[in-house]
Amino acid sequence: MGNIIVVFPRLEDAKSMKNLLVRHGFSVQYICTTGSQALECMDSLHGGIVISGYKLPDMVYHHLHGAMPPGFEMLLVASGKVIGGGVAREIPSVQMPLKVHELLQAVEAMESRMGRAKKMRGQPPRERNPEEQAMIDRAKRLLMERKHFTEREAHRYLQKRSMDSGNSLAETAGMVLCIMEG
């Protein structure tokens, strides 16, 4: 089964969630207590599921969701008040107090959907030619200079804009260069 990252503000809660999932056959790669830790862990994986609490010490779930690299989906674990209030409409969620079968069904459904999507994409991404890579690097440097991004933030920015627009990373980098240099 796929990669899972569990992120809850209390380490004990994260460990309990990991143990529950592992007992039911899921592969939990990391447990984290902050959103920034979870983002660092995502950098070492090529997709998976992030099971997150509502409020983390350094960010709220939707900030983490917005910063996740492509290939990751979030499952929010929150109170009925949060979920019922429509706060998390766009993100799959399970309600606290936790019903184990609901959690397991949600994770299985997400893994199944992600597996189908991966099969539909079929082929691994093609290698970039040197000109495309140079354009991406130039766009990152420009974002780092003008917006004071780190290299990682600049890369994430380009990835997110690429996903949102449906363009390749190189095309997105070209657009950024046109806007910022032009």
C-alpha atoms as a PDB file:
ATOM      1  CA  MET A   1       0.000   0.000   0.000  1.00  0.00           C
ATOM      2  CA  GLY A   2       1.015   3.649  -0.469  1.00  0.00           C
ATOM      3  CA  ASN A   3       3.006   6.112   1.565  1.00  0.00           C
ATOM      4  CA  ILE A   4       1.279   7.688   4.547  1.00  0.00           C
ATOM      5  CA  ILE A   5       2.440  10.629   6.637  1.00  0.00           C
ATOM      6  CA  VAL A   6       0.623  11.176   9.939  1.00  0.00           C
ATOM      7  CA  VAL A   7       0.770  14.706  11.361  1.00  0.00           C
ATOM      8  CA  PHE A   8      -0.852  15.640  14.669  1.00  0.00           C
ATOM      9  CA  PRO A   9       0.235  18.279  17.189  1.00  0.00           C
ATOM     10  CA  ARG A  10       0.633  15.695  19.960  1.00  0.00           C
ATOM     11  CA  LEU A  11       3.233  12.987  19.334  1.00  0.00           C
ATOM     12  CA  GLU A  12       1.168  10.447  21.297  1.00  0.00           C
ATOM     13  CA  ASP A  13      -1.808  10.986  18.972  1.00  0.00           C
ATOM     14  CA  ALA A  14       0.411  10.609  15.901  1.00  0.00           C
ATOM     15  CA  LYS A  15       1.919   7.383  17.256  1.00  0.00           C
ATOM     16  CA  SER A  16      -1.539   5.983  18.088  1.00  0.00           C
ATOM     17  CA  MET A  17      -2.757   6.753  14.558  1.00  0.00           C
ATOM     18  CA  LYS A  18       0.348   5.135  13.055  1.00  0.00           C
ATOM     19  CA  ASN A  19      -0.074   2.000  15.175  1.00  0.00           C
ATOM     20  CA  LEU A  20      -3.745   1.725  14.225  1.00  0.00           C
ATOM     21  CA  LEU A  21      -2.972   2.006  10.516  1.00  0.00           C
ATOM     22  CA  VAL A  22      -0.007  -0.379  10.621  1.00  0.00           C
ATOM     23  CA  ARG A  23      -2.128  -2.986  12.441  1.00  0.00           C
ATOM     24  CA  HIS A  24      -4.538  -2.841   9.505  1.00  0.00           C
ATOM     25  CA  GLY A  25      -1.880  -3.264   6.829  1.00  0.00           C
ATOM     26  CA  PHE A  26      -1.101   0.318   5.846  1.00  0.00           C
ATOM     27  CA  SER A  27       2.421   1.637   5.361  1.00  0.00           C
ATOM     28  CA  VAL A  28       3.100   4.719   7.506  1.00  0.00           C
ATOM     29  CA  GLN A  29       6.378   6.275   6.455  1.00  0.00           C
ATOM     30  CA  TYR A  30       6.552   9.224   8.871  1.00  0.00           C
ATOM     31  CA  ILE A  31       4.883  10.688  11.917  1.00  0.00           C
ATOM     32  CA  CYS A  32       5.190  14.431  12.492  1.00  0.00           C
ATOM     33  CA  THR A  33       4.022  17.049  14.960  1.00  0.00           C
ATOM     34  CA  THR A  34       4.245  20.132  12.723  1.00  0.00           C
ATOM     35  CA  GLY A  35       3.266  21.008   9.192  1.00  0.00           C
ATOM     36  CA  SER A  36       6.825  21.999   8.286  1.00  0.00           C
ATOM     37  CA  GLN A  37       8.090  18.558   9.369  1.00  0.00           C
ATOM     38  CA  ALA A  38       5.426  16.937   7.197  1.00  0.00           C
ATOM     39  CA  LEU A  39       6.446  19.054   4.186  1.00  0.00           C
ATOM     40  CA  GLU A  40      10.083  18.025   4.643  1.00  0.00           C
ATOM     41  CA  CYS A  41       9.029  14.362   4.752  1.00  0.00           C
ATOM     42  CA  MET A  42       6.986  14.793   1.574  1.00  0.00           C
ATOM     43  CA  ASP A  43      10.132  15.878  -0.258  1.00  0.00           C
ATOM     44  CA  SER A  44      11.551  12.359   0.133  1.00  0.00           C
ATOM     45  CA  LEU A  45       8.439  10.614  -1.227  1.00  0.00           C
ATOM     46  CA  HIS A  46       6.769  10.620  -4.641  1.00  0.00           C
ATOM     47  CA  GLY A  47       3.224  10.973  -3.421  1.00  0.00           C
ATOM     48  CA  GLY A  48       0.977   9.568  -0.764  1.00  0.00           C
ATOM     49  CA  ILE A  49      -1.591  10.444   1.856  1.00  0.00           C
ATOM     50  CA  VAL A  50      -1.185  12.993   4.627  1.00  0.00           C
ATOM     51  CA  ILE A  51      -3.448  12.297   7.590  1.00  0.00           C
ATOM     52  CA  SER A  52      -3.637  15.551   9.509  1.00  0.00           C
ATOM     53  CA  GLY A  53      -5.285  17.105  12.496  1.00  0.00           C
ATOM     54  CA  TYR A  54      -7.085  20.433  12.149  1.00  0.00           C
ATOM     55  CA  LYS A  55      -4.633  22.729  13.915  1.00  0.00           C
ATOM     56  CA  LEU A  56      -0.888  22.143  14.051  1.00  0.00           C
ATOM     57  CA  PRO A  57       1.595  24.211  16.086  1.00  0.00           C
ATOM     58  CA  ASP A  58       2.917  26.030  13.007  1.00  0.00           C
ATOM     59  CA  MET A  59      -0.079  26.077  10.657  1.00  0.00           C
ATOM     60  CA  VAL A  60      -3.699  25.111  10.127  1.00  0.00           C
ATOM     61  CA  TYR A  61      -4.539  22.103   7.929  1.00  0.00           C
ATOM     62  CA  HIS A  62      -5.477  24.192   4.857  1.00  0.00           C
ATOM     63  CA  HIS A  63      -2.064  25.892   4.819  1.00  0.00           C
ATOM     64  CA  LEU A  64      -0.415  22.477   4.854  1.00  0.00           C
ATOM     65  CA  HIS A  65      -2.806  21.295   2.136  1.00  0.00           C
ATOM     66  CA  GLY A  66      -1.951  24.288  -0.051  1.00  0.00           C
ATOM     67  CA  ALA A  67       1.797  23.695   0.305  1.00  0.00           C
ATOM     68  CA  MET A  68       1.771  19.954  -0.435  1.00  0.00           C
ATOM     69  CA  PRO A  69       3.715  18.912  -3.538  1.00  0.00           C
ATOM     70  CA  PRO A  70       1.962  17.115  -6.415  1.00  0.00           C
ATOM     71  CA  GLY A  71       1.050  13.498  -5.796  1.00  0.00           C
ATOM     72  CA  PHE A  72      -0.158  13.996  -2.223  1.00  0.00           C
ATOM     73  CA  GLU A  73      -3.695  14.065  -0.872  1.00  0.00           C
ATOM     74  CA  MET A  74      -4.882  14.988   2.588  1.00  0.00           C
ATOM     75  CA  LEU A  75      -7.285  13.241   4.945  1.00  0.00           C
ATOM     76  CA  LEU A  76      -8.394  15.613   7.699  1.00  0.00           C
ATOM     77  CA  VAL A  77      -9.220  14.244  11.152  1.00  0.00           C
ATOM     78  CA  ALA A  78     -11.289  16.861  12.991  1.00  0.00           C
ATOM     79  CA  SER A  79     -14.250  17.466  15.248  1.00  0.00           C
ATOM     80  CA  GLY A  80     -17.806  17.321  13.986  1.00  0.00           C
ATOM     81  CA  LYS A  81     -18.026  21.077  14.534  1.00  0.00           C
ATOM     82  CA  VAL A  82     -15.166  21.729  12.105  1.00  0.00           C
ATOM     83  CA  ILE A  83     -16.371  19.246   9.499  1.00  0.00           C
ATOM     84  CA  GLY A  84     -20.069  20.054   9.908  1.00  0.00           C
ATOM     85  CA  GLY A  85     -19.347  23.770   9.687  1.00  0.00           C
ATOM     86  CA  GLY A  86     -18.215  23.263   6.115  1.00  0.00           C
ATOM     87  CA  VAL A  87     -14.670  24.388   6.879  1.00  0.00           C
ATOM     88  CA  ALA A  88     -13.127  21.402   5.117  1.00  0.00           C
ATOM     89  CA  ARG A  89     -15.395  20.977   2.090  1.00  0.00           C
ATOM     90  CA  GLU A  90     -12.671  20.315  -0.466  1.00  0.00           C
ATOM     91  CA  ILE A  91     -10.678  17.889   1.681  1.00  0.00           C
ATOM     92  CA  PRO A  92     -11.776  14.344   2.575  1.00  0.00           C
ATOM     93  CA  SER A  93     -12.309  14.087   6.323  1.00  0.00           C
ATOM     94  CA  VAL A  94     -13.202  11.760   9.162  1.00  0.00           C
ATOM     95  CA  GLN A  95     -14.881  12.987  12.285  1.00  0.00           C
ATOM     96  CA  MET A  96     -13.625  12.762  15.863  1.00  0.00           C
ATOM     97  CA  PRO A  97     -14.304  10.819  17.991  1.00  0.00           C
ATOM     98  CA  LEU A  98     -12.773   8.433  15.519  1.00  0.00           C
ATOM     99  CA  LYS A  99     -14.616   5.390  14.217  1.00  0.00           C
ATOM    100  CA  VAL A 100     -11.900   2.988  13.090  1.00  0.00           C
ATOM    101  CA  HIS A 101     -13.890   1.533  10.193  1.00  0.00           C
ATOM    102  CA  GLU A 102     -14.583   5.039   8.794  1.00  0.00           C
ATOM    103  CA  LEU A 103     -10.897   5.925   8.934  1.00  0.00           C
ATOM    104  CA  LEU A 104      -9.867   2.669   7.247  1.00  0.00           C
ATOM    105  CA  GLN A 105     -12.518   3.040   4.541  1.00  0.00           C
ATOM    106  CA  ALA A 106     -11.421   6.611   3.834  1.00  0.00           C
ATOM    107  CA  VAL A 107      -7.734   5.647   3.563  1.00  0.00           C
ATOM    108  CA  GLU A 108      -8.541   2.627   1.361  1.00  0.00           C
ATOM    109  CA  ALA A 109     -10.700   4.770  -0.926  1.00  0.00           C
ATOM    110  CA  MET A 110      -7.969   7.405  -1.244  1.00  0.00           C
ATOM    111  CA  GLU A 111      -5.283   4.813  -2.003  1.00  0.00           C
ATOM    112  CA  SER A 112      -7.529   3.166  -4.580  1.00  0.00           C
ATOM    113  CA  ARG A 113      -8.325   6.475  -6.287  1.00  0.00           C
ATOM    114  CA  MET A 114      -4.663   7.504  -6.284  1.00  0.00           C
ATOM    115  CA  GLY A 115      -3.643   4.116  -7.706  1.00  0.00           C
ATOM    116  CA  ARG A 116      -6.152   4.440 -10.545  1.00  0.00           C
ATOM    117  CA  ALA A 117      -4.991   7.972 -11.314  1.00  0.00           C
ATOM    118  CA  LYS A 118      -1.369   6.812 -11.388  1.00  0.00           C
ATOM    119  CA  LYS A 119      -2.228   3.984 -13.793  1.00  0.00           C
ATOM    120  CA  MET A 120      -4.137   6.390 -16.023  1.00  0.00           C
ATOM    121  CA  ARG A 121      -1.102   8.665 -16.214  1.00  0.00           C
ATOM    122  CA  GLY A 122       0.715   5.531 -17.286  1.00  0.00           C
ATOM    123  CA  GLN A 123       4.147   6.636 -18.259  1.00  0.00           C
ATOM    124  CA  PRO A 124       6.812   8.182 -16.070  1.00  0.00           C
ATOM    125  CA  PRO A 125       7.463  11.857 -16.719  1.00  0.00           C
ATOM    126  CA  ARG A 126       9.819  12.509 -19.588  1.00  0.00           C
ATOM    127  CA  GLU A 127      13.290  13.842 -18.981  1.00  0.00           C
ATOM    128  CA  ARG A 128      13.670  17.584 -19.405  1.00  0.00           C
ATOM    129  CA  ASN A 129      16.016  18.840 -22.053  1.00  0.00           C
ATOM    130  CA  PRO A 130      18.815  21.186 -20.922  1.00  0.00           C
ATOM    131  CA  GLU A 131      17.022  24.300 -22.216  1.00  0.00           C
ATOM    132  CA  GLU A 132      13.889  23.511 -20.193  1.00  0.00           C
ATOM    133  CA  GLN A 133      15.933  22.840 -17.060  1.00  0.00           C
ATOM    134  CA  ALA A 134      17.846  26.094 -17.559  1.00  0.00           C
ATOM    135  CA  MET A 135      14.554  27.997 -17.863  1.00  0.00           C
ATOM    136  CA  ILE A 136      13.237  26.399 -14.659  1.00  0.00           C
ATOM    137  CA  ASP A 137      16.461  27.232 -12.825  1.00  0.00           C
ATOM    138  CA  ARG A 138      16.361  30.837 -14.099  1.00  0.00           C
ATOM    139  CA  ALA A 139      12.743  31.236 -12.949  1.00  0.00           C
ATOM    140  CA  LYS A 140      13.639  29.844  -9.518  1.00  0.00           C
ATOM    141  CA  ARG A 141      16.589  32.243  -9.205  1.00  0.00           C
ATOM    142  CA  LEU A 142      14.357  35.164 -10.166  1.00  0.00           C
ATOM    143  CA  LEU A 143      11.734  34.157  -7.578  1.00  0.00           C
ATOM    144  CA  MET A 144      14.470  33.819  -4.975  1.00  0.00           C
ATOM    145  CA  GLU A 145      15.839  37.300  -5.783  1.00  0.00           C
ATOM    146  CA  ARG A 146      12.590  39.220  -6.156  1.00  0.00           C
ATOM    147  CA  LYS A 147      10.290  37.413  -3.738  1.00  0.00           C
ATOM    148  CA  HIS A 148      12.968  36.275  -1.287  1.00  0.00           C
ATOM    149  CA  PHE A 149      11.947  32.623  -1.631  1.00  0.00           C
ATOM    150  CA  THR A 150      14.246  29.790  -0.666  1.00  0.00           C
ATOM    151  CA  GLU A 151      15.136  27.420  -3.503  1.00  0.00           C
ATOM    152  CA  ARG A 152      12.596  24.937  -2.156  1.00  0.00           C
ATOM    153  CA  GLU A 153       9.852  27.569  -1.894  1.00  0.00           C
ATOM    154  CA  ALA A 154      10.554  28.714  -5.454  1.00  0.00           C
ATOM    155  CA  HIS A 155      10.337  25.139  -6.718  1.00  0.00           C
ATOM    156  CA  ARG A 156       7.087  24.536  -4.812  1.00  0.00           C
ATOM    157  CA  TYR A 157       5.677  27.793  -6.181  1.00  0.00           C
ATOM    158  CA  LEU A 158       6.397  26.679  -9.751  1.00  0.00           C
ATOM    159  CA  GLN A 159       5.013  23.183  -9.067  1.00  0.00           C
ATOM    160  CA  LYS A 160       1.780  24.549  -7.602  1.00  0.00           C
ATOM    161  CA  ARG A 161       1.243  27.033 -10.446  1.00  0.00           C
ATOM    162  CA  SER A 162       2.007  24.266 -12.934  1.00  0.00           C
ATOM    163  CA  MET A 163      -0.574  21.964 -11.376  1.00  0.00           C
ATOM    164  CA  ASP A 164      -3.191  24.716 -11.077  1.00  0.00           C
ATOM    165  CA  SER A 165      -2.810  25.731 -14.721  1.00  0.00           C
ATOM    166  CA  GLY A 166      -2.310  22.249 -16.193  1.00  0.00           C
ATOM    167  CA  ASN A 167       0.935  23.359 -17.841  1.00  0.00           C
ATOM    168  CA  SER A 168       4.307  21.676 -17.585  1.00  0.00           C
ATOM    169  CA  LEU A 169       6.851  22.976 -15.099  1.00  0.00           C
ATOM    170  CA  ALA A 170       8.942  24.353 -17.971  1.00  0.00           C
ATOM    171  CA  GLU A 171       5.953  26.183 -19.495  1.00  0.00           C
ATOM    172  CA  THR A 172       5.099  27.651 -16.103  1.00  0.00           C
ATOM    173  CA  ALA A 173       8.714  28.749 -15.607  1.00  0.00           C
ATOM    174  CA  GLY A 174       8.593  30.423 -19.016  1.00  0.00           C
ATOM    175  CA  MET A 175       5.446  32.326 -18.058  1.00  0.00           C
ATOM    176  CA  VAL A 176       7.009  33.450 -14.772  1.00  0.00           C
ATOM    177  CA  LEU A 177      10.063  34.676 -16.668  1.00  0.00           C
ATOM    178  CA  CYS A 178       7.909  36.560 -19.203  1.00  0.00           C
ATOM    179  CA  ILE A 179       5.942  38.282 -16.444  1.00  0.00           C
ATOM    180  CA  MET A 180       8.862  39.088 -14.160  1.00  0.00           C
ATOM    181  CA  GLU A 181      11.445  40.003 -16.810  1.00  0.00           C
ATOM    182  CA  GLY A 182       9.090  41.588 -19.307  1.00  0.00           C
END
